[in-house]
C-alpha atoms as a PDB file:
ATOM      1  CA  UNK A   1      50.913   5.990  26.311  1.00  0.00           C
ATOM      2  CA  UNK A   2      50.045   9.682  26.014  1.00  0.00           C
ATOM      3  CA  UNK A   3      49.824  12.004  29.750  1.00  0.00           C
ATOM      4  CA  UNK A   4      46.440  13.101  30.427  1.00  0.00           C
ATOM      5  CA  UNK A   5      46.033  17.021  29.783  1.00  0.00           C
ATOM      6  CA  UNK A   6      45.741  17.706  33.659  1.00  0.00           C
ATOM      7  CA  UNK A   7      48.578  15.865  34.146  1.00  0.00           C
ATOM      8  CA  UNK A   8      50.707  17.602  31.575  1.00  0.00           C
ATOM      9  CA  UNK A   9      49.154  20.919  33.354  1.00  0.00           C
ATOM     10  CA  UNK A  10      50.303  19.927  36.720  1.00  0.00           C
ATOM     11  CA  UNK A  11      53.593  19.169  35.224  1.00  0.00           C
ATOM     12  CA  UNK A  12      54.141  22.887  34.121  1.00  0.00           C
ATOM     13  CA  UNK A  13      52.626  24.494  37.313  1.00  0.00           C
ATOM     14  CA  UNK A  14      55.592  22.125  38.616  1.00  0.00           C
ATOM     15  CA  UNK A  15      57.814  24.522  36.953  1.00  0.00           C
ATOM     16  CA  UNK A  16      56.526  27.577  38.697  1.00  0.00           C
ATOM     17  CA  UNK A  17      59.504  28.594  41.529  1.00  0.00           C
ATOM     18  CA  UNK A  18      58.311  29.836  44.443  1.00  0.00           C
ATOM     19  CA  UNK A  19      58.025  33.469  44.844  1.00  0.00           C
ATOM     20  CA  UNK A  20      57.016  33.466  41.073  1.00  0.00           C
ATOM     21  CA  UNK A  21      53.287  33.319  39.739  1.00  0.00           C
ATOM     22  CA  UNK A  22      51.793  32.473  36.543  1.00  0.00           C
ATOM     23  CA  UNK A  23      48.830  33.131  35.118  1.00  0.00           C
ATOM     24  CA  UNK A  24      46.058  30.369  33.982  1.00  0.00           C
ATOM     25  CA  UNK A  25      46.800  31.848  30.173  1.00  0.00           C
ATOM     26  CA  UNK A  26      50.460  31.468  30.386  1.00  0.00           C
ATOM     27  CA  UNK A  27      49.975  27.754  31.703  1.00  0.00           C
ATOM     28  CA  UNK A  28      47.713  27.045  28.901  1.00  0.00           C
ATOM     29  CA  UNK A  29      50.032  28.240  26.445  1.00  0.00           C
ATOM     30  CA  UNK A  30      52.758  26.660  27.813  1.00  0.00           C
ATOM     31  CA  UNK A  31      51.252  22.944  28.219  1.00  0.00           C
ATOM     32  CA  UNK A  32      49.354  23.344  24.714  1.00  0.00           C
ATOM     33  CA  UNK A  33      46.574  21.909  23.332  1.00  0.00           C
ATOM     34  CA  UNK A  34      44.805  23.394  26.310  1.00  0.00           C
ATOM     35  CA  UNK A  35      42.578  26.400  27.495  1.00  0.00           C
ATOM     36  CA  UNK A  36      42.814  28.736  30.243  1.00  0.00           C
ATOM     37  CA  UNK A  37      39.631  27.374  31.914  1.00  0.00           C
ATOM     38  CA  UNK A  38      40.809  23.741  31.344  1.00  0.00           C
ATOM     39  CA  UNK A  39      44.018  24.855  33.774  1.00  0.00           C
ATOM     40  CA  UNK A  40      41.294  26.075  36.336  1.00  0.00           C
ATOM     41  CA  UNK A  41      39.100  23.083  36.046  1.00  0.00           C
ATOM     42  CA  UNK A  42      42.419  21.229  36.519  1.00  0.00           C
ATOM     43  CA  UNK A  43      43.303  22.840  39.508  1.00  0.00           C
ATOM     44  CA  UNK A  44      39.897  22.507  40.959  1.00  0.00           C
ATOM     45  CA  UNK A  45      40.510  18.508  40.267  1.00  0.00           C
ATOM     46  CA  UNK A  46      43.730  18.457  42.089  1.00  0.00           C
ATOM     47  CA  UNK A  47      43.128  15.914  45.399  1.00  0.00           C
ATOM     48  CA  UNK A  48      43.804  18.077  48.833  1.00  0.00           C
ATOM     49  CA  UNK A  49      47.123  16.425  49.837  1.00  0.00           C
ATOM     50  CA  UNK A  50      48.665  17.324  46.599  1.00  0.00           C
ATOM     51  CA  UNK A  51      52.159  18.542  45.913  1.00  0.00           C
ATOM     52  CA  UNK A  52      51.501  21.116  42.939  1.00  0.00           C
ATOM     53  CA  UNK A  53      52.215  24.319  43.884  1.00  0.00           C
ATOM     54  CA  UNK A  54      48.168  25.733  42.673  1.00  0.00           C
ATOM     55  CA  UNK A  55      48.659  28.807  44.767  1.00  0.00           C
ATOM     56  CA  UNK A  56      51.166  29.867  42.003  1.00  0.00           C
ATOM     57  CA  UNK A  57      48.377  30.412  39.454  1.00  0.00           C
ATOM     58  CA  UNK A  58      46.404  33.366  38.963  1.00  0.00           C
ATOM     59  CA  UNK A  59      44.178  35.324  36.693  1.00  0.00           C
ATOM     60  CA  UNK A  60      45.882  37.558  34.328  1.00  0.00           C
ATOM     61  CA  UNK A  61      44.614  40.877  36.478  1.00  0.00           C
ATOM     62  CA  UNK A  62      47.225  39.565  38.882  1.00  0.00           C
ATOM     63  CA  UNK A  63      44.293  38.629  41.620  1.00  0.00           C
ATOM     64  CA  UNK A  64      43.711  35.332  43.054  1.00  0.00           C
ATOM     65  CA  UNK A  65      40.364  34.191  41.564  1.00  0.00           C
ATOM     66  CA  UNK A  66      37.702  33.840  43.929  1.00  0.00           C
ATOM     67  CA  UNK A  67      36.111  29.965  44.382  1.00  0.00           C
ATOM     68  CA  UNK A  68      32.650  29.920  45.003  1.00  0.00           C
ATOM     69  CA  UNK A  69      31.568  28.058  48.324  1.00  0.00           C
ATOM     70  CA  UNK A  70      34.700  27.952  49.990  1.00  0.00           C
ATOM     71  CA  UNK A  71      37.506  30.327  51.474  1.00  0.00           C
ATOM     72  CA  UNK A  72      40.199  29.077  49.212  1.00  0.00           C
ATOM     73  CA  UNK A  73      41.305  32.568  47.964  1.00  0.00           C
ATOM     74  CA  UNK A  74      42.414  33.181  51.933  1.00  0.00           C
ATOM     75  CA  UNK A  75      44.579  30.142  51.653  1.00  0.00           C
ATOM     76  CA  UNK A  76      46.159  30.819  48.605  1.00  0.00           C
ATOM     77  CA  UNK A  77      47.243  34.337  49.331  1.00  0.00           C
ATOM     78  CA  UNK A  78      48.377  33.211  52.968  1.00  0.00           C
ATOM     79  CA  UNK A  79      50.692  30.674  51.024  1.00  0.00           C
ATOM     80  CA  UNK A  80      51.736  33.277  48.440  1.00  0.00           C
ATOM     81  CA  UNK A  81      52.744  35.613  50.972  1.00  0.00           C
ATOM     82  CA  UNK A  82      54.649  33.182  52.930  1.00  0.00           C
ATOM     83  CA  UNK A  83      56.462  32.510  49.720  1.00  0.00           C
ATOM     84  CA  UNK A  84      57.758  36.494  49.816  1.00  0.00           C
ATOM     85  CA  UNK A  85      54.576  37.668  47.066  1.00  0.00           C
ATOM     86  CA  UNK A  86      53.465  40.899  47.853  1.00  0.00           C
ATOM     87  CA  UNK A  87      49.958  42.149  47.083  1.00  0.00           C
ATOM     88  CA  UNK A  88      49.290  45.928  46.479  1.00  0.00           C
ATOM     89  CA  UNK A  89      46.527  48.057  47.720  1.00  0.00           C
ATOM     90  CA  UNK A  90      43.988  46.502  45.220  1.00  0.00           C
ATOM     91  CA  UNK A  91      45.125  42.766  46.044  1.00  0.00           C
ATOM     92  CA  UNK A  92      47.107  42.384  42.868  1.00  0.00           C
ATOM     93  CA  UNK A  93      50.668  41.019  42.377  1.00  0.00           C
ATOM     94  CA  UNK A  94      53.183  42.800  40.095  1.00  0.00           C
ATOM     95  CA  UNK A  95      53.558  40.605  37.096  1.00  0.00           C
ATOM     96  CA  UNK A  96      57.362  42.752  37.032  1.00  0.00           C
ATOM     97  CA  UNK A  97      58.343  41.819  40.309  1.00  0.00           C
ATOM     98  CA  UNK A  98      56.854  38.163  40.627  1.00  0.00           C
ATOM     99  CA  UNK A  99      55.723  37.173  37.535  1.00  0.00           C
ATOM    100  CA  UNK A 100      57.417  33.666  36.169  1.00  0.00           C
ATOM    101  CA  UNK A 101      59.156  34.164  32.873  1.00  0.00           C
ATOM    102  CA  UNK A 102      59.535  30.462  32.011  1.00  0.00           C
ATOM    103  CA  UNK A 103      63.444  30.226  32.104  1.00  0.00           C
END
């Protein structure tokens, strides 16, 4: 039986180590057969008690994507900072330092 695309996306995200981040686009490319938007939808559908490290997925500008109607971006930033990730004065993460190379 073929795994759902969301399950495949979650498996890709689970490979991102603590202290590293990836983009929606990178997750889509590595998963295959999906788009960055689908990655966003999959993350939005995650149950609250999931152990998928959703906080490690950010946008291609190195920023946390703001979510309408909640303060998830504040939690995401806190979780990333707890992993040692540093934000610059523009609230961006430097991919050269913290980007996941998929190795």
